[in-house]
Amino acid sequence: MSFAMLRIISFFSLLHLCLSTPPRGYLELRLKSAFPLNATVEIADDIYFPTNKRVWNVPLVPDEVKVLSNIPVQFHRPGIVLVNSGPLEKFGLDFETIRSERWNTQTMTIMPERIHLPFTGFRIDFMCFRNWHGPYCDKFCNENNAALINRRCTHNGTLGCPYNFRGPNCKKPITDCHCENDGFCVSEFKNPTDSVDKLICECPVGFEGDRCEKEQYEYAMPLSVDMHGNKRSEKKWMLLKQFFARSMVANELYDNSF
């Protein structure tokens, strides 16, 4: 076998390993409706050429929150979530679609302040599986092992003292650190064997920087909403137009602390 052929085989072996990396984070979707709906949810990797499509039937009961959780997703890649309401005949609605696109999946929350009926609540959270940390869930730190030596895992995947403490024995209170935008000041040991720590800011979703002073670039497109009805029926089409005109309501799952 030639050297060139070996290089080609090695390249494709490495490519396979990269593409088959198990997901280290997951998606959680919350939906709420004022009406009984037989909704469907489709989640896929990529946007223009979707792959790894997964579909769920999601029956909604009025005023109850339905949660889809622990859905594995690949971080650092584009993806799409498509929600289909199903029919609501009394308003001439065949179906409504909510489309959420993101081109660089990382830990984030997608929740508009207002949403179109028949939905009254919509929220997507992207989070890391246990022991994985960082915006792309690519930093490993075993939380149980850290707790055994009176340490915790930071968002960098490094070890630090329990919250509110610092120092080689984690007995000194943190008093001289300031983070912006509700960031939280914690200690960090750059290496597991270090006895000297430093203070860092762990930022909430949407902010970054040494002091959480920078608003994070928006990696998700605004939600697009489309309502579909029967144009051939003048009565149904008029019902749908009237429904659409008054369909914008406050998102009951919006959290203004973000």
C-alpha atoms as a PDB file:
ATOM      1  CA  MET A   1       0.000   0.000   0.000  1.00  0.00           C
ATOM      2  CA  SER A   2       1.395   3.387  -0.979  1.00  0.00           C
ATOM      3  CA  PHE A   3       2.181   6.204   1.458  1.00  0.00           C
ATOM      4  CA  ALA A   4      -0.379   8.425  -0.301  1.00  0.00           C
ATOM      5  CA  MET A   5      -3.084   5.788   0.199  1.00  0.00           C
ATOM      6  CA  LEU A   6      -2.204   5.512   3.895  1.00  0.00           C
ATOM      7  CA  ARG A   7      -2.541   9.284   4.251  1.00  0.00           C
ATOM      8  CA  ILE A   8      -5.976   9.182   2.604  1.00  0.00           C
ATOM      9  CA  ILE A   9      -7.135   6.358   4.899  1.00  0.00           C
ATOM     10  CA  SER A  10      -5.806   8.205   7.951  1.00  0.00           C
ATOM     11  CA  PHE A  11      -7.607  11.383   6.884  1.00  0.00           C
ATOM     12  CA  PHE A  12     -10.961   9.651   6.502  1.00  0.00           C
ATOM     13  CA  SER A  13     -10.479   7.778   9.783  1.00  0.00           C
ATOM     14  CA  LEU A  14      -9.898  11.096  11.545  1.00  0.00           C
ATOM     15  CA  LEU A  15     -12.883  12.642   9.752  1.00  0.00           C
ATOM     16  CA  HIS A  16     -15.087   9.760  10.907  1.00  0.00           C
ATOM     17  CA  LEU A  17     -13.966  10.241  14.499  1.00  0.00           C
ATOM     18  CA  CYS A  18     -14.727  13.968  14.328  1.00  0.00           C
ATOM     19  CA  LEU A  19     -18.156  13.459  12.800  1.00  0.00           C
ATOM     20  CA  SER A  20     -19.102  10.651  15.185  1.00  0.00           C
ATOM     21  CA  THR A  21     -18.269  12.541  18.381  1.00  0.00           C
ATOM     22  CA  PRO A  22     -21.135  11.811  20.776  1.00  0.00           C
ATOM     23  CA  PRO A  23     -23.256  14.836  21.721  1.00  0.00           C
ATOM     24  CA  ARG A  24     -22.132  16.578  24.894  1.00  0.00           C
ATOM     25  CA  GLY A  25     -25.193  18.755  25.280  1.00  0.00           C
ATOM     26  CA  TYR A  26     -28.919  18.706  24.787  1.00  0.00           C
ATOM     27  CA  LEU A  27     -31.933  20.758  23.824  1.00  0.00           C
ATOM     28  CA  GLU A  28     -35.004  21.386  25.953  1.00  0.00           C
ATOM     29  CA  LEU A  29     -38.157  22.753  24.306  1.00  0.00           C
ATOM     30  CA  ARG A  30     -41.157  24.135  26.203  1.00  0.00           C
ATOM     31  CA  LEU A  31     -44.510  24.816  24.562  1.00  0.00           C
ATOM     32  CA  LYS A  32     -47.798  26.177  25.853  1.00  0.00           C
ATOM     33  CA  SER A  33     -51.105  26.781  24.088  1.00  0.00           C
ATOM     34  CA  ALA A  34     -54.480  28.310  24.857  1.00  0.00           C
ATOM     35  CA  PHE A  35     -56.133  25.604  22.742  1.00  0.00           C
ATOM     36  CA  PRO A  36     -55.975  21.809  22.442  1.00  0.00           C
ATOM     37  CA  LEU A  37     -53.468  21.069  19.677  1.00  0.00           C
ATOM     38  CA  ASN A  38     -51.939  18.046  18.004  1.00  0.00           C
ATOM     39  CA  ALA A  39     -48.574  19.666  17.408  1.00  0.00           C
ATOM     40  CA  THR A  40     -45.447  18.144  15.915  1.00  0.00           C
ATOM     41  CA  VAL A  41     -41.828  19.107  16.517  1.00  0.00           C
ATOM     42  CA  GLU A  42     -38.987  18.460  14.061  1.00  0.00           C
ATOM     43  CA  ILE A  43     -35.355  18.928  15.084  1.00  0.00           C
ATOM     44  CA  ALA A  44     -32.476  18.575  12.629  1.00  0.00           C
ATOM     45  CA  ASP A  45     -28.800  19.369  12.203  1.00  0.00           C
ATOM     46  CA  ASP A  46     -27.827  21.961   9.597  1.00  0.00           C
ATOM     47  CA  ILE A  47     -30.231  24.420   7.955  1.00  0.00           C
ATOM     48  CA  TYR A  48     -30.038  24.282   4.170  1.00  0.00           C
ATOM     49  CA  PHE A  49     -29.432  20.525   3.940  1.00  0.00           C
ATOM     50  CA  PRO A  50     -30.946  19.172   7.188  1.00  0.00           C
ATOM     51  CA  THR A  51     -29.657  15.843   8.489  1.00  0.00           C
ATOM     52  CA  ASN A  52     -30.371  13.691  11.539  1.00  0.00           C
ATOM     53  CA  LYS A  53     -34.051  14.677  11.473  1.00  0.00           C
ATOM     54  CA  ARG A  54     -36.111  13.688  14.496  1.00  0.00           C
ATOM     55  CA  VAL A  55     -39.877  14.171  14.808  1.00  0.00           C
ATOM     56  CA  TRP A  56     -42.136  14.118  17.881  1.00  0.00           C
ATOM     57  CA  ASN A  57     -45.916  14.246  18.194  1.00  0.00           C
ATOM     58  CA  VAL A  58     -46.711  16.719  20.969  1.00  0.00           C
ATOM     59  CA  PRO A  59     -50.361  16.851  22.080  1.00  0.00           C
ATOM     60  CA  LEU A  60     -51.001  20.105  23.940  1.00  0.00           C
ATOM     61  CA  VAL A  61     -53.643  20.630  26.621  1.00  0.00           C
ATOM     62  CA  PRO A  62     -54.838  24.230  27.138  1.00  0.00           C
ATOM     63  CA  ASP A  63     -52.727  26.226  29.609  1.00  0.00           C
ATOM     64  CA  GLU A  64     -50.359  23.351  30.436  1.00  0.00           C
ATOM     65  CA  VAL A  65     -46.644  23.476  29.633  1.00  0.00           C
ATOM     66  CA  LYS A  66     -45.337  20.580  27.557  1.00  0.00           C
ATOM     67  CA  VAL A  67     -41.610  19.853  27.825  1.00  0.00           C
ATOM     68  CA  LEU A  68     -39.373  17.912  25.448  1.00  0.00           C
ATOM     69  CA  SER A  69     -36.043  17.390  27.195  1.00  0.00           C
ATOM     70  CA  ASN A  70     -32.697  15.615  26.917  1.00  0.00           C
ATOM     71  CA  ILE A  71     -32.697  15.785  23.116  1.00  0.00           C
ATOM     72  CA  PRO A  72     -29.022  15.377  22.107  1.00  0.00           C
ATOM     73  CA  VAL A  73     -27.656  18.053  19.772  1.00  0.00           C
ATOM     74  CA  GLN A  74     -24.275  18.708  18.194  1.00  0.00           C
ATOM     75  CA  PHE A  75     -22.672  21.951  19.340  1.00  0.00           C
ATOM     76  CA  HIS A  76     -20.596  24.298  17.170  1.00  0.00           C
ATOM     77  CA  ARG A  77     -22.873  23.424  14.227  1.00  0.00           C
ATOM     78  CA  PRO A  78     -25.985  24.929  12.626  1.00  0.00           C
ATOM     79  CA  GLY A  79     -29.391  23.440  13.316  1.00  0.00           C
ATOM     80  CA  ILE A  80     -33.122  23.988  13.104  1.00  0.00           C
ATOM     81  CA  VAL A  81     -36.248  23.480  15.217  1.00  0.00           C
ATOM     82  CA  LEU A  82     -39.608  23.438  13.421  1.00  0.00           C
ATOM     83  CA  VAL A  83     -42.886  23.432  15.369  1.00  0.00           C
ATOM     84  CA  ASN A  84     -46.182  22.684  13.595  1.00  0.00           C
ATOM     85  CA  SER A  85     -49.372  23.536  15.485  1.00  0.00           C
ATOM     86  CA  GLY A  86     -51.761  21.302  13.583  1.00  0.00           C
ATOM     87  CA  PRO A  87     -55.259  22.535  12.623  1.00  0.00           C
ATOM     88  CA  LEU A  88     -57.487  24.931  14.536  1.00  0.00           C
ATOM     89  CA  GLU A  89     -60.606  24.931  12.393  1.00  0.00           C
ATOM     90  CA  LYS A  90     -62.645  27.465  14.377  1.00  0.00           C
ATOM     91  CA  PHE A  91     -60.181  30.144  13.260  1.00  0.00           C
ATOM     92  CA  GLY A  92     -59.651  28.854   9.722  1.00  0.00           C
ATOM     93  CA  LEU A  93     -56.123  27.695  10.589  1.00  0.00           C
ATOM     94  CA  ASP A  94     -54.817  24.614   8.804  1.00  0.00           C
ATOM     95  CA  PHE A  95     -51.506  24.861  10.654  1.00  0.00           C
ATOM     96  CA  GLU A  96     -48.997  27.363  11.999  1.00  0.00           C
ATOM     97  CA  THR A  97     -45.246  26.828  11.836  1.00  0.00           C
ATOM     98  CA  ILE A  98     -42.626  28.307  14.139  1.00  0.00           C
ATOM     99  CA  ARG A  99     -39.137  28.042  12.682  1.00  0.00           C
ATOM    100  CA  SER A 100     -36.037  28.586  14.805  1.00  0.00           C
ATOM    101  CA  GLU A 101     -32.647  28.573  13.083  1.00  0.00           C
ATOM    102  CA  ARG A 102     -29.215  28.801  14.655  1.00  0.00           C
ATOM    103  CA  TRP A 103     -25.921  28.745  12.787  1.00  0.00           C
ATOM    104  CA  ASN A 104     -23.535  28.096  15.662  1.00  0.00           C
ATOM    105  CA  THR A 105     -25.131  25.974  18.354  1.00  0.00           C
ATOM    106  CA  GLN A 106     -23.872  26.769  21.841  1.00  0.00           C
ATOM    107  CA  THR A 107     -25.374  27.088  25.305  1.00  0.00           C
ATOM    108  CA  MET A 108     -28.163  29.588  24.749  1.00  0.00           C
ATOM    109  CA  THR A 109     -31.820  30.342  25.358  1.00  0.00           C
ATOM    110  CA  ILE A 110     -34.277  31.270  22.608  1.00  0.00           C
ATOM    111  CA  MET A 111     -37.485  32.884  23.877  1.00  0.00           C
ATOM    112  CA  PRO A 112     -39.230  35.838  22.232  1.00  0.00           C
ATOM    113  CA  GLU A 113     -41.079  38.363  24.371  1.00  0.00           C
ATOM    114  CA  ARG A 114     -44.197  37.895  22.254  1.00  0.00           C
ATOM    115  CA  ILE A 115     -45.571  34.910  20.368  1.00  0.00           C
ATOM    116  CA  HIS A 116     -48.400  34.183  17.923  1.00  0.00           C
ATOM    117  CA  LEU A 117     -51.491  32.246  18.946  1.00  0.00           C
ATOM    118  CA  PRO A 118     -52.416  29.425  19.088  1.00  0.00           C
ATOM    119  CA  PHE A 119     -49.204  29.175  21.135  1.00  0.00           C
ATOM    120  CA  THR A 120     -48.973  31.196  24.338  1.00  0.00           C
ATOM    121  CA  GLY A 121     -45.539  29.994  25.419  1.00  0.00           C
ATOM    122  CA  PHE A 122     -42.320  29.095  23.596  1.00  0.00           C
ATOM    123  CA  ARG A 123     -38.803  28.549  24.905  1.00  0.00           C
ATOM    124  CA  ILE A 124     -35.724  26.595  23.812  1.00  0.00           C
ATOM    125  CA  ASP A 125     -32.709  25.990  26.066  1.00  0.00           C
ATOM    126  CA  PHE A 126     -29.407  24.471  24.942  1.00  0.00           C
ATOM    127  CA  MET A 127     -27.497  23.003  27.886  1.00  0.00           C
ATOM    128  CA  CYS A 128     -24.543  20.744  28.634  1.00  0.00           C
ATOM    129  CA  PHE A 129     -24.818  17.197  29.860  1.00  0.00           C
ATOM    130  CA  ARG A 130     -23.440  16.621  33.341  1.00  0.00           C
ATOM    131  CA  ASN A 131     -19.646  16.983  33.612  1.00  0.00           C
ATOM    132  CA  TRP A 132     -19.399  18.943  30.351  1.00  0.00           C
ATOM    133  CA  HIS A 133     -18.874  22.694  30.521  1.00  0.00           C
ATOM    134  CA  GLY A 134     -18.232  25.793  28.419  1.00  0.00           C
ATOM    135  CA  PRO A 135     -20.299  27.522  25.721  1.00  0.00           C
ATOM    136  CA  TYR A 136     -19.822  24.525  23.411  1.00  0.00           C
ATOM    137  CA  CYS A 137     -19.973  21.864  26.138  1.00  0.00           C
ATOM    138  CA  ASP A 138     -16.461  20.759  25.183  1.00  0.00           C
ATOM    139  CA  LYS A 139     -14.703  21.150  28.557  1.00  0.00           C
ATOM    140  CA  PHE A 140     -14.758  18.029  30.734  1.00  0.00           C
ATOM    141  CA  CYS A 141     -14.664  18.129  34.526  1.00  0.00           C
ATOM    142  CA  ASN A 142     -16.066  15.412  36.782  1.00  0.00           C
ATOM    143  CA  GLU A 143     -18.257  17.167  39.339  1.00  0.00           C
ATOM    144  CA  ASN A 144     -18.381  14.228  41.770  1.00  0.00           C
ATOM    145  CA  ASN A 145     -14.600  13.912  41.850  1.00  0.00           C
ATOM    146  CA  ALA A 146     -14.259  17.663  42.328  1.00  0.00           C
ATOM    147  CA  ALA A 147     -16.614  17.595  45.319  1.00  0.00           C
ATOM    148  CA  LEU A 148     -14.523  14.866  46.975  1.00  0.00           C
ATOM    149  CA  ILE A 149     -11.631  17.337  47.338  1.00  0.00           C
ATOM    150  CA  ASN A 150     -13.815  20.337  48.239  1.00  0.00           C
ATOM    151  CA  ARG A 151     -13.723  21.773  44.730  1.00  0.00           C
ATOM    152  CA  ARG A 152     -16.272  22.555  42.028  1.00  0.00           C
ATOM    153  CA  CYS A 153     -16.086  22.610  38.245  1.00  0.00           C
ATOM    154  CA  THR A 154     -15.964  26.046  36.635  1.00  0.00           C
ATOM    155  CA  HIS A 155     -17.485  26.921  33.274  1.00  0.00           C
ATOM    156  CA  ASN A 156     -13.961  26.525  31.833  1.00  0.00           C
ATOM    157  CA  GLY A 157     -13.846  22.875  32.894  1.00  0.00           C
ATOM    158  CA  THR A 158     -11.220  23.713  35.523  1.00  0.00           C
ATOM    159  CA  LEU A 159     -11.346  23.264  39.286  1.00  0.00           C
ATOM    160  CA  GLY A 160     -12.309  26.047  41.655  1.00  0.00           C
ATOM    161  CA  CYS A 161     -13.402  26.554  45.229  1.00  0.00           C
ATOM    162  CA  PRO A 162     -17.062  26.232  46.247  1.00  0.00           C
ATOM    163  CA  TYR A 163     -19.122  29.343  45.567  1.00  0.00           C
ATOM    164  CA  ASN A 164     -18.193  32.455  47.584  1.00  0.00           C
ATOM    165  CA  PHE A 165     -14.786  31.100  48.669  1.00  0.00           C
ATOM    166  CA  ARG A 166     -11.201  31.188  47.449  1.00  0.00           C
ATOM    167  CA  GLY A 167      -7.651  30.401  48.568  1.00  0.00           C
ATOM    168  CA  PRO A 168      -5.529  27.230  48.721  1.00  0.00           C
ATOM    169  CA  ASN A 169      -7.905  25.645  51.250  1.00  0.00           C
ATOM    170  CA  CYS A 170     -11.046  27.392  49.976  1.00  0.00           C
ATOM    171  CA  LYS A 171     -11.651  29.058  53.340  1.00  0.00           C
ATOM    172  CA  LYS A 172     -11.210  32.711  52.386  1.00  0.00           C
ATOM    173  CA  PRO A 173     -14.432  34.585  51.445  1.00  0.00           C
ATOM    174  CA  ILE A 174     -14.527  36.317  48.065  1.00  0.00           C
ATOM    175  CA  THR A 175     -14.861  40.046  48.700  1.00  0.00           C
ATOM    176  CA  ASP A 176     -12.858  41.869  46.038  1.00  0.00           C
ATOM    177  CA  CYS A 177     -14.282  40.864  42.672  1.00  0.00           C
ATOM    178  CA  HIS A 178     -16.890  42.577  40.503  1.00  0.00           C
ATOM    179  CA  CYS A 179     -18.692  41.046  37.544  1.00  0.00           C
ATOM    180  CA  GLU A 180     -21.142  42.873  35.310  1.00  0.00           C
ATOM    181  CA  ASN A 181     -24.558  41.838  33.975  1.00  0.00           C
ATOM    182  CA  ASP A 182     -25.270  39.433  36.850  1.00  0.00           C
ATOM    183  CA  GLY A 183     -22.074  37.481  36.285  1.00  0.00           C
ATOM    184  CA  PHE A 184     -20.872  35.481  39.289  1.00  0.00           C
ATOM    185  CA  CYS A 185     -17.372  35.741  40.722  1.00  0.00           C
ATOM    186  CA  VAL A 186     -15.677  32.388  41.412  1.00  0.00           C
ATOM    187  CA  SER A 187     -12.196  31.062  42.020  1.00  0.00           C
ATOM    188  CA  GLU A 188     -10.248  28.981  39.508  1.00  0.00           C
ATOM    189  CA  PHE A 189      -7.152  26.803  39.747  1.00  0.00           C
ATOM    190  CA  LYS A 190      -5.682  26.721  36.255  1.00  0.00           C
ATOM    191  CA  ASN A 191      -4.155  23.299  36.908  1.00  0.00           C
ATOM    192  CA  PRO A 192      -5.423  20.606  39.311  1.00  0.00           C
ATOM    193  CA  THR A 193      -2.154  20.679  41.289  1.00  0.00           C
ATOM    194  CA  ASP A 194      -2.065  24.481  41.704  1.00  0.00           C
ATOM    195  CA  SER A 195      -2.286  25.902  45.218  1.00  0.00           C
ATOM    196  CA  VAL A 196      -2.827  29.488  44.057  1.00  0.00           C
ATOM    197  CA  ASP A 197      -6.164  30.391  42.501  1.00  0.00           C
ATOM    198  CA  LYS A 198      -7.404  33.429  40.627  1.00  0.00           C
ATOM    199  CA  LEU A 199     -10.827  35.043  40.415  1.00  0.00           C
ATOM    200  CA  ILE A 200     -12.884  34.821  37.240  1.00  0.00           C
ATOM    201  CA  CYS A 201     -16.415  35.780  36.232  1.00  0.00           C
ATOM    202  CA  GLU A 202     -18.891  33.119  35.155  1.00  0.00           C
ATOM    203  CA  CYS A 203     -21.265  34.888  32.792  1.00  0.00           C
ATOM    204  CA  PRO A 204     -24.992  34.304  32.318  1.00  0.00           C
ATOM    205  CA  VAL A 205     -26.314  33.260  28.930  1.00  0.00           C
ATOM    206  CA  GLY A 206     -25.991  36.163  26.504  1.00  0.00           C
ATOM    207  CA  PHE A 207     -22.836  37.759  27.936  1.00  0.00           C
ATOM    208  CA  GLU A 208     -19.098  37.161  27.716  1.00  0.00           C
ATOM    209  CA  GLY A 209     -15.770  38.832  28.492  1.00  0.00           C
ATOM    210  CA  ASP A 210     -13.503  38.873  31.537  1.00  0.00           C
ATOM    211  CA  ARG A 211     -16.185  40.717  33.519  1.00  0.00           C
ATOM    212  CA  CYS A 212     -19.222  39.663  31.461  1.00  0.00           C
ATOM    213  CA  GLU A 213     -19.161  43.171  30.026  1.00  0.00           C
ATOM    214  CA  LYS A 214     -19.807  42.147  26.405  1.00  0.00           C
ATOM    215  CA  GLU A 215     -23.166  41.211  24.998  1.00  0.00           C
ATOM    216  CA  GLN A 216     -22.765  37.948  23.163  1.00  0.00           C
ATOM    217  CA  TYR A 217     -23.241  37.860  19.417  1.00  0.00           C
ATOM    218  CA  GLU A 218     -26.697  36.559  18.540  1.00  0.00           C
ATOM    219  CA  TYR A 219     -26.150  33.093  17.094  1.00  0.00           C
ATOM    220  CA  ALA A 220     -29.846  32.402  16.482  1.00  0.00           C
ATOM    221  CA  MET A 221     -32.095  33.953  13.862  1.00  0.00           C
ATOM    222  CA  PRO A 222     -35.324  35.612  15.043  1.00  0.00           C
ATOM    223  CA  LEU A 223     -38.206  33.167  14.996  1.00  0.00           C
ATOM    224  CA  SER A 224     -40.208  33.059  11.789  1.00  0.00           C
ATOM    225  CA  VAL A 225     -43.936  32.315  12.043  1.00  0.00           C
ATOM    226  CA  ASP A 226     -46.228  31.334   9.176  1.00  0.00           C
ATOM    227  CA  MET A 227     -49.960  30.655   9.269  1.00  0.00           C
ATOM    228  CA  HIS A 228     -51.541  28.493   6.594  1.00  0.00           C
ATOM    229  CA  GLY A 229     -55.200  28.299   5.592  1.00  0.00           C
ATOM    230  CA  ASN A 230     -57.540  27.529   2.728  1.00  0.00           C
ATOM    231  CA  LYS A 231     -57.616  30.462   0.286  1.00  0.00           C
ATOM    232  CA  ARG A 232     -60.291  28.729  -1.759  1.00  0.00           C
ATOM    233  CA  SER A 233     -62.801  29.180   1.047  1.00  0.00           C
ATOM    234  CA  GLU A 234     -63.545  32.873   1.458  1.00  0.00           C
ATOM    235  CA  LYS A 235     -65.112  32.290   4.876  1.00  0.00           C
ATOM    236  CA  LYS A 236     -62.143  30.325   6.231  1.00  0.00           C
ATOM    237  CA  TRP A 237     -59.649  32.751   4.735  1.00  0.00           C
ATOM    238  CA  MET A 238     -61.426  35.705   6.354  1.00  0.00           C
ATOM    239  CA  LEU A 239     -61.467  33.879   9.699  1.00  0.00           C
ATOM    240  CA  LEU A 240     -57.735  33.263   9.429  1.00  0.00           C
ATOM    241  CA  LYS A 241     -56.974  36.892   8.549  1.00  0.00           C
ATOM    242  CA  GLN A 242     -58.976  38.081  11.555  1.00  0.00           C
ATOM    243  CA  PHE A 243     -57.270  35.537  13.791  1.00  0.00           C
ATOM    244  CA  PHE A 244     -53.809  36.556  12.598  1.00  0.00           C
ATOM    245  CA  ALA A 245     -54.538  40.256  13.170  1.00  0.00           C
ATOM    246  CA  ARG A 246     -55.148  39.690  16.880  1.00  0.00           C
ATOM    247  CA  SER A 247     -52.921  36.667  17.453  1.00  0.00           C
ATOM    248  CA  MET A 248     -49.821  38.340  18.936  1.00  0.00           C
ATOM    249  CA  VAL A 249     -49.690  37.784  22.710  1.00  0.00           C
ATOM    250  CA  ALA A 250     -47.115  37.928  25.504  1.00  0.00           C
ATOM    251  CA  ASN A 251     -44.927  34.834  25.736  1.00  0.00           C
ATOM    252  CA  GLU A 252     -45.905  33.259  29.052  1.00  0.00           C
ATOM    253  CA  LEU A 253     -42.580  31.406  29.192  1.00  0.00           C
ATOM    254  CA  TYR A 254     -40.485  34.539  28.746  1.00  0.00           C
ATOM    255  CA  ASP A 255     -38.062  35.172  31.600  1.00  0.00           C
ATOM    256  CA  ASN A 256     -36.914  38.792  31.742  1.00  0.00           C
ATOM    257  CA  SER A 257     -34.079  37.933  34.120  1.00  0.00           C
ATOM    258  CA  PHE A 258     -32.052  36.798  31.088  1.00  0.00           C
END
